[in-house]
Each structure stands twice: as structure tokens, then as C-alpha cells.
């Protein structure tokens, strides 16, 4: 059975186990009641909702997700949002580093 984003339950469980902090800013996730911006949200690393794989699905905080929006990963990583927060290709989670390598 899949969730609201058509992510199969087994893949959702795998990603939740892998991504215990934001894959971009590395901050710990907080319950939505404590901080909406720091609560977990689903991210399609490549902005294509039809690509539902462990390489393209990740959990990030809502702040990073909102900032990235539909931007290409390499473009977003050059943004002021990332510069201010110290987010770079060197600081992101391994799944994001792999996506960057695949973009090149």
C-alpha cells in the first residue's frame, strides 16, 4: 500500500530509516506541533513525481523543501538560502551527493 505521494510502504520505511535528519541542512526533524519548518517532508530530488525510487525520494525539512521548490538541485545549491545556511555539495546527505554526481 502506498502513502499520499504514491510511495510504497516498504520504500517509505526504508527512506524514513535512512533520512533521520534533513538531507540538505542536516537539522533534526521536529514534530509539526513544535516547528513546521523543521518537520519532515517528502522530497523528489529530481523534480519528477513519477520517479519513486530510493535514489530520488528523501526526507528534508519543510524550509529546505519550500526553498528548493522546482529548482534543479545544482541551481538550488547555489542559492542565497543555501549559502546562508552553509548547505553545499559537501555538506548534504550521501543520497544527495549521489544525485549531484548523476547530474554531471
C-alpha atoms as a PDB file:
ATOM      1  CA  UNK A   1       0.000   0.000   0.000  1.00  0.00           C
ATOM      2  CA  UNK A   2       1.299   3.465  -0.906  1.00  0.00           C
ATOM      3  CA  UNK A   3       1.007   6.736   1.013  1.00  0.00           C
ATOM      4  CA  UNK A   4      -0.495  10.027  -0.303  1.00  0.00           C
ATOM      5  CA  UNK A   5       2.551  10.523  -2.553  1.00  0.00           C
ATOM      6  CA  UNK A   6       2.345   7.005  -4.053  1.00  0.00           C
ATOM      7  CA  UNK A   7       5.464   5.935  -2.179  1.00  0.00           C
ATOM      8  CA  UNK A   8       5.159   2.203  -1.439  1.00  0.00           C
ATOM      9  CA  UNK A   9       5.161   1.363   2.264  1.00  0.00           C
ATOM     10  CA  UNK A  10       8.410  -0.612   2.030  1.00  0.00           C
ATOM     11  CA  UNK A  11      10.215   2.300   0.339  1.00  0.00           C
ATOM     12  CA  UNK A  12       8.735   4.784   2.812  1.00  0.00           C
ATOM     13  CA  UNK A  13      10.048   2.688   5.716  1.00  0.00           C
ATOM     14  CA  UNK A  14      13.499   2.439   4.104  1.00  0.00           C
ATOM     15  CA  UNK A  15      13.713   6.205   3.495  1.00  0.00           C
ATOM     16  CA  UNK A  16      12.460   7.040   6.991  1.00  0.00           C
ATOM     17  CA  UNK A  17      15.189   4.807   8.440  1.00  0.00           C
ATOM     18  CA  UNK A  18      17.871   6.363   6.201  1.00  0.00           C
ATOM     19  CA  UNK A  19      16.832  10.020   6.479  1.00  0.00           C
ATOM     20  CA  UNK A  20      16.622  10.786  10.187  1.00  0.00           C
ATOM     21  CA  UNK A  21      17.690  14.422   9.658  1.00  0.00           C
ATOM     22  CA  UNK A  22      17.118  16.820   6.760  1.00  0.00           C
ATOM     23  CA  UNK A  23      19.108  15.556   3.757  1.00  0.00           C
ATOM     24  CA  UNK A  24      20.072  19.161   2.964  1.00  0.00           C
ATOM     25  CA  UNK A  25      20.616  21.211   6.136  1.00  0.00           C
ATOM     26  CA  UNK A  26      21.110  18.154   8.418  1.00  0.00           C
ATOM     27  CA  UNK A  27      18.871  19.562  11.165  1.00  0.00           C
ATOM     28  CA  UNK A  28      16.919  17.111  13.258  1.00  0.00           C
ATOM     29  CA  UNK A  29      13.258  16.773  12.428  1.00  0.00           C
ATOM     30  CA  UNK A  30      10.814  18.098  14.999  1.00  0.00           C
ATOM     31  CA  UNK A  31       7.149  17.197  15.315  1.00  0.00           C
ATOM     32  CA  UNK A  32       4.965  19.624  13.278  1.00  0.00           C
ATOM     33  CA  UNK A  33       3.454  20.927  16.541  1.00  0.00           C
ATOM     34  CA  UNK A  34       6.906  22.184  17.622  1.00  0.00           C
ATOM     35  CA  UNK A  35       8.204  23.543  14.323  1.00  0.00           C
ATOM     36  CA  UNK A  36       6.503  23.281  10.961  1.00  0.00           C
ATOM     37  CA  UNK A  37       9.658  24.359   9.093  1.00  0.00           C
ATOM     38  CA  UNK A  38      11.767  21.704  10.805  1.00  0.00           C
ATOM     39  CA  UNK A  39       9.261  18.880  10.446  1.00  0.00           C
ATOM     40  CA  UNK A  40       9.912  16.211   7.812  1.00  0.00           C
ATOM     41  CA  UNK A  41       8.513  16.498   4.304  1.00  0.00           C
ATOM     42  CA  UNK A  42       8.862  14.293   1.255  1.00  0.00           C
ATOM     43  CA  UNK A  43      11.286  15.468  -1.400  1.00  0.00           C
ATOM     44  CA  UNK A  44      11.699  14.390  -5.010  1.00  0.00           C
ATOM     45  CA  UNK A  45      15.386  15.145  -5.529  1.00  0.00           C
ATOM     46  CA  UNK A  46      14.832  15.249  -9.278  1.00  0.00           C
ATOM     47  CA  UNK A  47      11.603  17.217  -9.660  1.00  0.00           C
ATOM     48  CA  UNK A  48       9.594  14.410 -11.202  1.00  0.00           C
ATOM     49  CA  UNK A  49       6.873  12.881  -9.049  1.00  0.00           C
ATOM     50  CA  UNK A  50       6.802   9.807 -11.279  1.00  0.00           C
ATOM     51  CA  UNK A  51      10.342   8.820 -10.217  1.00  0.00           C
ATOM     52  CA  UNK A  52       9.624   6.949  -6.997  1.00  0.00           C
ATOM     53  CA  UNK A  53      12.925   5.281  -6.170  1.00  0.00           C
ATOM     54  CA  UNK A  54      15.267   5.218  -3.152  1.00  0.00           C
ATOM     55  CA  UNK A  55      17.621   7.412  -5.215  1.00  0.00           C
ATOM     56  CA  UNK A  56      15.001  10.124  -5.806  1.00  0.00           C
ATOM     57  CA  UNK A  57      12.868  10.107  -2.656  1.00  0.00           C
ATOM     58  CA  UNK A  58      14.208  11.729   0.500  1.00  0.00           C
ATOM     59  CA  UNK A  59      13.081  13.476   3.650  1.00  0.00           C
ATOM     60  CA  UNK A  60      14.003  17.085   4.200  1.00  0.00           C
ATOM     61  CA  UNK A  61      12.752  19.869   6.433  1.00  0.00           C
ATOM     62  CA  UNK A  62       9.889  21.969   5.106  1.00  0.00           C
ATOM     63  CA  UNK A  63      12.096  25.048   4.938  1.00  0.00           C
ATOM     64  CA  UNK A  64      14.541  23.383   2.560  1.00  0.00           C
ATOM     65  CA  UNK A  65      11.726  21.795   0.559  1.00  0.00           C
ATOM     66  CA  UNK A  66       9.951  25.134   0.124  1.00  0.00           C
ATOM     67  CA  UNK A  67      13.179  26.874  -0.837  1.00  0.00           C
ATOM     68  CA  UNK A  68      14.186  24.232  -3.390  1.00  0.00           C
ATOM     69  CA  UNK A  69      10.722  24.025  -4.926  1.00  0.00           C
ATOM     70  CA  UNK A  70      11.037  23.036  -8.588  1.00  0.00           C
ATOM     71  CA  UNK A  71      14.643  24.190  -8.935  1.00  0.00           C
ATOM     72  CA  UNK A  72      17.275  21.831 -10.269  1.00  0.00           C
ATOM     73  CA  UNK A  73      19.457  20.606  -7.404  1.00  0.00           C
ATOM     74  CA  UNK A  74      22.683  22.140  -8.751  1.00  0.00           C
ATOM     75  CA  UNK A  75      20.967  25.522  -9.237  1.00  0.00           C
ATOM     76  CA  UNK A  76      19.365  25.480  -5.786  1.00  0.00           C
ATOM     77  CA  UNK A  77      22.669  24.651  -4.090  1.00  0.00           C
ATOM     78  CA  UNK A  78      24.000  27.994  -5.434  1.00  0.00           C
ATOM     79  CA  UNK A  79      21.083  29.948  -3.921  1.00  0.00           C
ATOM     80  CA  UNK A  80      21.294  32.526  -1.159  1.00  0.00           C
ATOM     81  CA  UNK A  81      19.200  30.207   1.043  1.00  0.00           C
ATOM     82  CA  UNK A  82      21.915  27.539   0.852  1.00  0.00           C
ATOM     83  CA  UNK A  83      24.791  29.996   1.237  1.00  0.00           C
ATOM     84  CA  UNK A  84      23.296  31.493   4.408  1.00  0.00           C
ATOM     85  CA  UNK A  85      22.711  28.029   5.916  1.00  0.00           C
ATOM     86  CA  UNK A  86      26.036  26.515   4.900  1.00  0.00           C
ATOM     87  CA  UNK A  87      24.389  23.960   2.605  1.00  0.00           C
ATOM     88  CA  UNK A  88      26.784  22.798  -0.108  1.00  0.00           C
ATOM     89  CA  UNK A  89      27.505  19.704  -2.189  1.00  0.00           C
ATOM     90  CA  UNK A  90      30.000  18.716   0.516  1.00  0.00           C
ATOM     91  CA  UNK A  91      27.572  19.010   3.460  1.00  0.00           C
ATOM     92  CA  UNK A  92      24.470  17.234   2.125  1.00  0.00           C
ATOM     93  CA  UNK A  93      23.491  13.619   2.799  1.00  0.00           C
ATOM     94  CA  UNK A  94      25.003  10.796   0.717  1.00  0.00           C
ATOM     95  CA  UNK A  95      21.781  10.326  -1.302  1.00  0.00           C
ATOM     96  CA  UNK A  96      22.021  13.978  -2.381  1.00  0.00           C
ATOM     97  CA  UNK A  97      25.745  13.680  -3.164  1.00  0.00           C
ATOM     98  CA  UNK A  98      24.880  10.749  -5.443  1.00  0.00           C
ATOM     99  CA  UNK A  99      22.179  12.789  -7.184  1.00  0.00           C
ATOM    100  CA  UNK A 100      24.699  15.607  -7.743  1.00  0.00           C
ATOM    101  CA  UNK A 101      27.177  13.133  -9.250  1.00  0.00           C
ATOM    102  CA  UNK A 102      24.448  11.836 -11.556  1.00  0.00           C
ATOM    103  CA  UNK A 103      23.595  15.378 -12.728  1.00  0.00           C
ATOM    104  CA  UNK A 104      27.115  15.924 -14.071  1.00  0.00           C
END
